[in-house]
N, C-alpha and C. Protein backbone atom coordinates (compact mmCIF):
# COMPACT_ATOMS: atom_id res chain seq x y z
N MET A 1 -5.40 2.51 -10.67
CA MET A 1 -6.69 3.08 -10.32
C MET A 1 -6.84 3.11 -8.80
N GLU A 2 -7.15 4.27 -8.26
CA GLU A 2 -7.30 4.44 -6.83
C GLU A 2 -8.76 4.23 -6.44
N GLU A 3 -8.97 3.47 -5.37
CA GLU A 3 -10.33 3.19 -4.92
C GLU A 3 -10.80 4.28 -3.95
N ASP A 4 -12.08 4.56 -3.99
CA ASP A 4 -12.69 5.55 -3.11
C ASP A 4 -12.94 4.92 -1.74
N PRO A 5 -12.29 5.43 -0.68
CA PRO A 5 -12.48 4.81 0.64
C PRO A 5 -13.91 4.94 1.15
N ASP A 6 -14.60 6.02 0.81
CA ASP A 6 -15.99 6.17 1.24
C ASP A 6 -16.89 5.14 0.56
N ALA A 7 -16.65 4.89 -0.71
CA ALA A 7 -17.44 3.89 -1.42
C ALA A 7 -17.23 2.52 -0.80
N TYR A 8 -15.99 2.23 -0.41
CA TYR A 8 -15.69 0.96 0.25
C TYR A 8 -16.43 0.87 1.58
N ARG A 9 -16.40 1.95 2.37
CA ARG A 9 -17.10 1.94 3.66
C ARG A 9 -18.59 1.73 3.48
N ILE A 10 -19.16 2.35 2.46
CA ILE A 10 -20.59 2.18 2.19
C ILE A 10 -20.90 0.73 1.86
N LEU A 11 -20.11 0.14 0.98
CA LEU A 11 -20.32 -1.27 0.63
C LEU A 11 -20.16 -2.18 1.85
N LYS A 12 -19.16 -1.90 2.66
CA LYS A 12 -18.91 -2.72 3.85
C LYS A 12 -20.08 -2.61 4.83
N LEU A 13 -20.58 -1.40 5.05
CA LEU A 13 -21.71 -1.22 5.96
C LEU A 13 -22.95 -1.93 5.44
N ARG A 14 -23.19 -1.85 4.15
CA ARG A 14 -24.36 -2.54 3.57
C ARG A 14 -24.25 -4.04 3.78
N ALA A 15 -23.06 -4.58 3.60
CA ALA A 15 -22.85 -6.02 3.80
C ALA A 15 -23.07 -6.39 5.27
N GLU A 16 -22.57 -5.56 6.18
CA GLU A 16 -22.76 -5.83 7.61
C GLU A 16 -24.23 -5.78 7.98
N ILE A 17 -24.97 -4.84 7.41
CA ILE A 17 -26.39 -4.71 7.69
C ILE A 17 -27.14 -5.95 7.19
N LEU A 18 -26.78 -6.43 6.02
CA LEU A 18 -27.40 -7.66 5.51
C LEU A 18 -27.12 -8.84 6.43
N GLU A 19 -25.89 -8.95 6.91
CA GLU A 19 -25.54 -10.04 7.83
C GLU A 19 -26.34 -9.94 9.12
N LEU A 20 -26.45 -8.74 9.65
CA LEU A 20 -27.21 -8.55 10.88
C LEU A 20 -28.68 -8.87 10.69
N GLY A 21 -29.22 -8.49 9.55
CA GLY A 21 -30.62 -8.82 9.25
C GLY A 21 -30.83 -10.32 9.25
N SER A 22 -29.89 -11.03 8.68
CA SER A 22 -29.97 -12.49 8.67
C SER A 22 -29.87 -13.06 10.08
N ALA A 23 -28.98 -12.51 10.88
CA ALA A 23 -28.83 -12.97 12.26
C ALA A 23 -30.10 -12.70 13.07
N ILE A 24 -30.71 -11.55 12.85
CA ILE A 24 -31.95 -11.20 13.56
C ILE A 24 -33.06 -12.18 13.18
N ARG A 25 -33.18 -12.48 11.90
CA ARG A 25 -34.21 -13.44 11.48
C ARG A 25 -33.99 -14.81 12.12
N GLN A 26 -32.73 -15.22 12.20
CA GLN A 26 -32.41 -16.51 12.81
C GLN A 26 -32.75 -16.50 14.30
N LEU A 27 -32.39 -15.42 14.99
CA LEU A 27 -32.71 -15.31 16.41
C LEU A 27 -34.22 -15.37 16.64
N ARG A 28 -34.97 -14.70 15.80
CA ARG A 28 -36.43 -14.71 15.94
C ARG A 28 -37.00 -16.10 15.69
N ARG A 29 -36.46 -16.80 14.69
CA ARG A 29 -36.93 -18.16 14.42
C ARG A 29 -36.71 -19.06 15.62
N GLU A 30 -35.62 -18.83 16.33
CA GLU A 30 -35.29 -19.65 17.49
C GLU A 30 -35.86 -19.07 18.78
N ALA A 31 -36.68 -18.04 18.66
CA ALA A 31 -37.35 -17.39 19.79
C ALA A 31 -36.34 -16.87 20.83
N LEU A 32 -35.25 -16.31 20.33
CA LEU A 32 -34.23 -15.73 21.21
C LEU A 32 -34.29 -14.21 21.17
N ASP A 33 -33.70 -13.58 22.16
CA ASP A 33 -33.69 -12.12 22.25
C ASP A 33 -32.80 -11.53 21.16
N ASP A 34 -33.35 -10.60 20.41
CA ASP A 34 -32.59 -9.98 19.33
C ASP A 34 -32.38 -8.48 19.55
N ALA A 35 -32.55 -8.03 20.79
CA ALA A 35 -32.45 -6.59 21.09
C ALA A 35 -31.07 -6.03 20.77
N ALA A 36 -30.03 -6.73 21.14
CA ALA A 36 -28.67 -6.24 20.89
C ALA A 36 -28.40 -6.14 19.40
N ALA A 37 -28.85 -7.14 18.64
CA ALA A 37 -28.66 -7.11 17.19
C ALA A 37 -29.49 -5.99 16.57
N GLN A 38 -30.69 -5.75 17.09
CA GLN A 38 -31.53 -4.66 16.59
C GLN A 38 -30.85 -3.31 16.81
N LEU A 39 -30.27 -3.13 17.99
CA LEU A 39 -29.57 -1.87 18.29
C LEU A 39 -28.37 -1.69 17.38
N LEU A 40 -27.61 -2.75 17.19
CA LEU A 40 -26.43 -2.67 16.33
C LEU A 40 -26.82 -2.35 14.89
N ILE A 41 -27.87 -2.97 14.38
CA ILE A 41 -28.28 -2.71 13.00
C ILE A 41 -28.79 -1.27 12.87
N ALA A 42 -29.47 -0.77 13.87
CA ALA A 42 -29.95 0.62 13.82
C ALA A 42 -28.77 1.60 13.77
N ARG A 43 -27.74 1.31 14.56
CA ARG A 43 -26.56 2.17 14.56
C ARG A 43 -25.83 2.12 13.21
N LYS A 44 -25.72 0.94 12.65
CA LYS A 44 -25.05 0.81 11.35
C LYS A 44 -25.86 1.48 10.25
N ARG A 45 -27.17 1.38 10.30
CA ARG A 45 -28.01 2.06 9.31
C ARG A 45 -27.84 3.57 9.42
N ALA A 46 -27.78 4.09 10.64
CA ALA A 46 -27.57 5.52 10.84
C ALA A 46 -26.21 5.96 10.31
N ARG A 47 -25.19 5.15 10.58
CA ARG A 47 -23.86 5.47 10.08
C ARG A 47 -23.83 5.45 8.55
N LEU A 48 -24.51 4.46 7.98
CA LEU A 48 -24.58 4.36 6.52
C LEU A 48 -25.29 5.59 5.93
N GLU A 49 -26.40 5.96 6.52
CA GLU A 49 -27.14 7.13 6.03
C GLU A 49 -26.29 8.39 6.11
N HIS A 50 -25.57 8.55 7.22
CA HIS A 50 -24.70 9.71 7.39
C HIS A 50 -23.59 9.72 6.33
N LEU A 51 -22.99 8.56 6.10
CA LEU A 51 -21.90 8.46 5.13
C LEU A 51 -22.39 8.74 3.70
N VAL A 52 -23.55 8.20 3.36
CA VAL A 52 -24.11 8.43 2.03
C VAL A 52 -24.41 9.91 1.82
N LYS A 53 -24.99 10.56 2.84
CA LYS A 53 -25.28 12.00 2.75
C LYS A 53 -23.99 12.80 2.61
N ALA A 54 -22.99 12.44 3.39
CA ALA A 54 -21.71 13.16 3.33
C ALA A 54 -21.07 13.01 1.95
N CYS A 55 -21.15 11.82 1.39
CA CYS A 55 -20.57 11.59 0.05
C CYS A 55 -21.34 12.35 -1.02
N SER A 56 -22.66 12.39 -0.89
CA SER A 56 -23.44 13.08 -1.91
C SER A 56 -23.27 14.60 -1.83
N SER A 57 -22.99 15.12 -0.63
CA SER A 57 -22.76 16.57 -0.50
C SER A 57 -21.36 16.95 -0.99
N ASP A 58 -20.43 15.98 -0.97
CA ASP A 58 -19.07 16.23 -1.47
C ASP A 58 -18.97 16.14 -2.99
N ALA A 59 -19.94 15.49 -3.62
CA ALA A 59 -19.92 15.29 -5.06
C ALA A 59 -20.08 16.64 -5.76
N PRO A 60 -19.36 16.83 -6.87
CA PRO A 60 -19.46 18.11 -7.61
C PRO A 60 -20.78 18.30 -8.28
């Protein structure tokens, strides 16, 4: 059985976004700057949205 590389990328991005969300919450609890993490999560969310749209437009 061959795995879909796009499905893998989507799952990986979702996992990374969850990790970043956790890191942002921890930074906020410790009253530290979370701007870099916020930017990174926004970029990953945009990439995820683009990938999901591309996959759904490729579907028959």
